[in-house]
Amino acid sequence: MASNLDKFRKDLEKLIKTADQLYFTMAYDLDLLNEDAKKEVEKIRISNFKGAYEKWYTEALYVVKQILPERLDDFVKLYKNDKRKEVDYSTY
């Protein structure tokens, strides 16, 4: 039977993997990668950046709230932009 710690570890690993995919998808779409890197990123690229980002942020927020509640405000400030009307590469 898996413990809560095992579940958090698994969730955190998934969030880190998704964050990497979001980062490399953004770099790919902004043409910031060399040709070799582009070929690798094409294998993991996320087609719906906005939807994936929103899901990632919601899940990451929950994890931070559970594990490091005293750092929740810092996490929100890193990703909050009151002037943002939509999520795209320039407002990420």
N, C-alpha and C. Protein backbone atom coordinates (compact mmCIF):
# COMPACT_ATOMS: atom_id res chain seq x y z
N MET A 1 0.85 -1.19 0.00
CA MET A 1 0.00 0.00 0.00
C MET A 1 0.89 1.26 0.00
N ALA A 2 0.60 2.17 -0.89
CA ALA A 2 1.40 3.38 -1.03
C ALA A 2 1.07 4.37 0.09
N SER A 3 2.10 5.00 0.60
CA SER A 3 1.90 6.00 1.64
C SER A 3 1.61 7.35 1.01
N ASN A 4 1.20 8.30 1.83
CA ASN A 4 0.97 9.66 1.35
C ASN A 4 2.25 10.26 0.79
N LEU A 5 3.38 9.94 1.42
CA LEU A 5 4.66 10.45 0.94
C LEU A 5 4.95 9.93 -0.46
N ASP A 6 4.65 8.66 -0.71
CA ASP A 6 4.85 8.10 -2.05
C ASP A 6 3.96 8.80 -3.07
N LYS A 7 2.73 9.10 -2.68
CA LYS A 7 1.81 9.78 -3.59
C LYS A 7 2.31 11.19 -3.89
N PHE A 8 2.74 11.92 -2.87
CA PHE A 8 3.27 13.27 -3.09
C PHE A 8 4.52 13.22 -3.98
N ARG A 9 5.37 12.24 -3.74
CA ARG A 9 6.60 12.11 -4.55
C ARG A 9 6.23 11.87 -6.02
N LYS A 10 5.28 10.99 -6.25
CA LYS A 10 4.83 10.69 -7.62
C LYS A 10 4.21 11.93 -8.27
N ASP A 11 3.36 12.62 -7.53
CA ASP A 11 2.73 13.85 -8.04
C ASP A 11 3.78 14.92 -8.36
N LEU A 12 4.76 15.05 -7.49
CA LEU A 12 5.81 16.04 -7.70
C LEU A 12 6.65 15.70 -8.93
N GLU A 13 6.98 14.44 -9.09
CA GLU A 13 7.73 14.02 -10.29
C GLU A 13 6.94 14.33 -11.56
N LYS A 14 5.65 14.09 -11.53
CA LYS A 14 4.79 14.38 -12.68
C LYS A 14 4.75 15.89 -12.97
N LEU A 15 4.65 16.69 -11.93
CA LEU A 15 4.63 18.14 -12.10
C LEU A 15 5.94 18.66 -12.68
N ILE A 16 7.04 18.12 -12.22
CA ILE A 16 8.35 18.53 -12.74
C ILE A 16 8.48 18.15 -14.21
N LYS A 17 8.04 16.96 -14.55
CA LYS A 17 8.09 16.51 -15.95
C LYS A 17 7.23 17.42 -16.83
N THR A 18 6.04 17.74 -16.37
CA THR A 18 5.14 18.61 -17.14
C THR A 18 5.73 20.01 -17.27
N ALA A 19 6.34 20.52 -16.19
CA ALA A 19 6.98 21.84 -16.25
C ALA A 19 8.08 21.86 -17.29
N ASP A 20 8.87 20.80 -17.34
CA ASP A 20 9.93 20.70 -18.36
C ASP A 20 9.33 20.69 -19.76
N GLN A 21 8.26 19.93 -19.93
CA GLN A 21 7.61 19.87 -21.24
C GLN A 21 7.06 21.24 -21.63
N LEU A 22 6.47 21.95 -20.69
CA LEU A 22 5.96 23.29 -20.98
C LEU A 22 7.10 24.23 -21.37
N TYR A 23 8.19 24.16 -20.64
CA TYR A 23 9.34 25.02 -20.92
C TYR A 23 9.88 24.75 -22.33
N PHE A 24 10.10 23.49 -22.64
CA PHE A 24 10.67 23.16 -23.94
C PHE A 24 9.68 23.40 -25.08
N THR A 25 8.39 23.23 -24.81
CA THR A 25 7.38 23.57 -25.82
C THR A 25 7.42 25.05 -26.13
N MET A 26 7.53 25.86 -25.10
CA MET A 26 7.60 27.30 -25.29
C MET A 26 8.87 27.67 -26.06
N ALA A 27 10.01 27.10 -25.69
CA ALA A 27 11.26 27.39 -26.39
C ALA A 27 11.18 26.94 -27.85
N TYR A 28 10.55 25.81 -28.09
CA TYR A 28 10.39 25.31 -29.46
C TYR A 28 9.53 26.27 -30.28
N ASP A 29 8.40 26.65 -29.73
CA ASP A 29 7.47 27.52 -30.45
C ASP A 29 8.03 28.91 -30.68
N LEU A 30 8.93 29.35 -29.83
CA LEU A 30 9.57 30.66 -30.00
C LEU A 30 10.85 30.57 -30.83
N ASP A 31 11.13 29.38 -31.34
CA ASP A 31 12.30 29.13 -32.19
C ASP A 31 13.61 29.48 -31.48
N LEU A 32 13.73 29.03 -30.23
CA LEU A 32 14.93 29.30 -29.44
C LEU A 32 15.86 28.10 -29.34
N LEU A 33 15.53 27.02 -30.05
CA LEU A 33 16.30 25.79 -29.95
C LEU A 33 17.08 25.52 -31.23
N ASN A 34 18.21 24.84 -31.08
CA ASN A 34 18.94 24.43 -32.27
C ASN A 34 18.22 23.23 -32.91
N GLU A 35 18.66 22.83 -34.07
CA GLU A 35 17.96 21.78 -34.82
C GLU A 35 17.94 20.44 -34.07
N ASP A 36 19.02 20.08 -33.43
CA ASP A 36 19.05 18.81 -32.68
C ASP A 36 18.05 18.84 -31.52
N ALA A 37 18.02 19.95 -30.81
CA ALA A 37 17.08 20.08 -29.69
C ALA A 37 15.64 20.06 -30.18
N LYS A 38 15.38 20.70 -31.31
CA LYS A 38 14.03 20.71 -31.88
C LYS A 38 13.54 19.29 -32.15
N LYS A 39 14.42 18.46 -32.68
CA LYS A 39 14.03 17.07 -32.98
C LYS A 39 13.66 16.32 -31.71
N GLU A 40 14.40 16.56 -30.64
CA GLU A 40 14.10 15.91 -29.37
C GLU A 40 12.79 16.44 -28.77
N VAL A 41 12.60 17.74 -28.85
CA VAL A 41 11.41 18.36 -28.25
C VAL A 41 10.14 17.95 -29.01
N GLU A 42 10.26 17.71 -30.29
CA GLU A 42 9.08 17.28 -31.06
C GLU A 42 8.46 16.01 -30.48
N LYS A 43 9.24 15.21 -29.80
CA LYS A 43 8.74 13.97 -29.19
C LYS A 43 7.91 14.23 -27.94
N ILE A 44 8.17 15.34 -27.25
CA ILE A 44 7.50 15.61 -25.97
C ILE A 44 6.66 16.88 -26.00
N ARG A 45 6.64 17.56 -27.12
CA ARG A 45 5.97 18.85 -27.24
C ARG A 45 4.48 18.76 -26.88
N ILE A 46 4.00 19.75 -26.18
CA ILE A 46 2.60 19.83 -25.77
C ILE A 46 1.85 20.69 -26.78
N SER A 47 0.79 20.15 -27.37
CA SER A 47 0.08 20.89 -28.41
C SER A 47 -0.84 21.98 -27.84
N ASN A 48 -1.39 21.76 -26.67
CA ASN A 48 -2.30 22.74 -26.06
C ASN A 48 -1.59 23.39 -24.87
N PHE A 49 -0.72 24.34 -25.15
CA PHE A 49 0.08 24.97 -24.10
C PHE A 49 -0.79 25.58 -23.01
N LYS A 50 -1.78 26.37 -23.40
CA LYS A 50 -2.61 27.08 -22.42
C LYS A 50 -3.32 26.10 -21.48
N GLY A 51 -3.94 25.10 -22.03
CA GLY A 51 -4.65 24.12 -21.20
C GLY A 51 -3.71 23.35 -20.29
N ALA A 52 -2.56 22.96 -20.82
CA ALA A 52 -1.59 22.22 -20.02
C ALA A 52 -1.01 23.10 -18.92
N TYR A 53 -0.75 24.37 -19.26
CA TYR A 53 -0.22 25.29 -18.25
C TYR A 53 -1.22 25.50 -17.12
N GLU A 54 -2.47 25.74 -17.47
CA GLU A 54 -3.49 25.98 -16.44
C GLU A 54 -3.62 24.76 -15.51
N LYS A 55 -3.61 23.57 -16.10
CA LYS A 55 -3.70 22.34 -15.30
C LYS A 55 -2.47 22.21 -14.41
N TRP A 56 -1.29 22.45 -14.98
CA TRP A 56 -0.05 22.35 -14.21
C TRP A 56 -0.07 23.33 -13.04
N TYR A 57 -0.44 24.58 -13.31
CA TYR A 57 -0.44 25.60 -12.27
C TYR A 57 -1.39 25.21 -11.13
N THR A 58 -2.57 24.76 -11.46
CA THR A 58 -3.56 24.37 -10.45
C THR A 58 -3.02 23.24 -9.58
N GLU A 59 -2.43 22.24 -10.21
CA GLU A 59 -1.88 21.12 -9.45
C GLU A 59 -0.66 21.53 -8.63
N ALA A 60 0.21 22.35 -9.21
CA ALA A 60 1.40 22.80 -8.49
C ALA A 60 1.01 23.67 -7.29
N LEU A 61 0.01 24.50 -7.48
CA LEU A 61 -0.47 25.35 -6.39
C LEU A 61 -0.95 24.50 -5.21
N TYR A 62 -1.66 23.44 -5.51
CA TYR A 62 -2.15 22.53 -4.47
C TYR A 62 -1.00 21.87 -3.73
N VAL A 63 0.02 21.42 -4.47
CA VAL A 63 1.16 20.76 -3.85
C VAL A 63 1.92 21.74 -2.95
N VAL A 64 2.16 22.94 -3.44
CA VAL A 64 2.84 23.94 -2.62
C VAL A 64 2.02 24.24 -1.36
N LYS A 65 0.73 24.36 -1.53
CA LYS A 65 -0.16 24.64 -0.40
C LYS A 65 -0.08 23.54 0.66
N GLN A 66 0.05 22.29 0.22
CA GLN A 66 0.09 21.17 1.14
C GLN A 66 1.46 21.00 1.80
N ILE A 67 2.52 21.16 1.01
CA ILE A 67 3.86 20.86 1.50
C ILE A 67 4.57 22.07 2.09
N LEU A 68 4.41 23.22 1.45
CA LEU A 68 5.10 24.45 1.90
C LEU A 68 4.11 25.61 1.99
N PRO A 69 3.15 25.53 2.88
CA PRO A 69 2.13 26.58 2.93
C PRO A 69 2.69 27.98 3.19
N GLU A 70 3.82 28.04 3.89
CA GLU A 70 4.41 29.35 4.17
C GLU A 70 5.02 29.98 2.92
N ARG A 71 5.18 29.23 1.84
CA ARG A 71 5.74 29.75 0.60
C ARG A 71 4.67 29.93 -0.49
N LEU A 72 3.42 29.71 -0.14
CA LEU A 72 2.33 29.80 -1.12
C LEU A 72 2.25 31.18 -1.76
N ASP A 73 2.34 32.24 -0.96
CA ASP A 73 2.29 33.60 -1.52
C ASP A 73 3.42 33.85 -2.51
N ASP A 74 4.61 33.35 -2.19
CA ASP A 74 5.75 33.50 -3.11
C ASP A 74 5.47 32.80 -4.43
N PHE A 75 4.92 31.59 -4.35
CA PHE A 75 4.61 30.84 -5.57
C PHE A 75 3.59 31.59 -6.43
N VAL A 76 2.55 32.08 -5.80
CA VAL A 76 1.51 32.81 -6.54
C VAL A 76 2.10 34.05 -7.20
N LYS A 77 2.94 34.78 -6.49
CA LYS A 77 3.54 36.00 -7.05
C LYS A 77 4.42 35.71 -8.27
N LEU A 78 5.06 34.54 -8.28
CA LEU A 78 5.89 34.17 -9.42
C LEU A 78 5.08 34.02 -10.71
N TYR A 79 3.84 33.60 -10.59
CA TYR A 79 3.04 33.28 -11.77
C TYR A 79 1.85 34.21 -11.98
N LYS A 80 1.60 35.09 -11.03
CA LYS A 80 0.45 35.97 -11.16
C LYS A 80 0.83 37.24 -11.91
N ASN A 81 -0.03 37.62 -12.81
CA ASN A 81 0.16 38.85 -13.56
C ASN A 81 -1.23 39.48 -13.71
N ASP A 82 -1.52 40.50 -12.91
CA ASP A 82 -2.85 41.09 -12.91
C ASP A 82 -3.22 41.70 -14.26
N LYS A 83 -2.23 42.08 -15.05
CA LYS A 83 -2.50 42.69 -16.35
C LYS A 83 -2.71 41.66 -17.45
N ARG A 84 -2.44 40.40 -17.15
CA ARG A 84 -2.55 39.34 -18.15
C ARG A 84 -4.02 39.08 -18.48
N LYS A 85 -4.35 39.12 -19.75
CA LYS A 85 -5.70 38.82 -20.20
C LYS A 85 -5.81 37.39 -20.69
N GLU A 86 -4.68 36.82 -21.10
CA GLU A 86 -4.66 35.44 -21.52
C GLU A 86 -3.28 34.86 -21.27
N VAL A 87 -3.21 33.55 -21.26
CA VAL A 87 -1.93 32.88 -21.06
C VAL A 87 -1.35 32.55 -22.42
N ASP A 88 -0.17 33.08 -22.69
CA ASP A 88 0.58 32.71 -23.87
C ASP A 88 2.06 32.82 -23.51
N TYR A 89 2.91 32.69 -24.49
CA TYR A 89 4.34 32.66 -24.22
C TYR A 89 4.87 33.96 -23.64
N SER A 90 4.27 35.07 -24.00
CA SER A 90 4.77 36.35 -23.49
C SER A 90 4.28 36.66 -22.09
N THR A 91 3.23 35.97 -21.61
CA THR A 91 2.69 36.23 -20.27
C THR A 91 2.88 35.04 -19.33
N TYR A 92 3.58 34.03 -19.76
CA TYR A 92 3.82 32.83 -18.97
C TYR A 92 4.65 33.16 -17.75
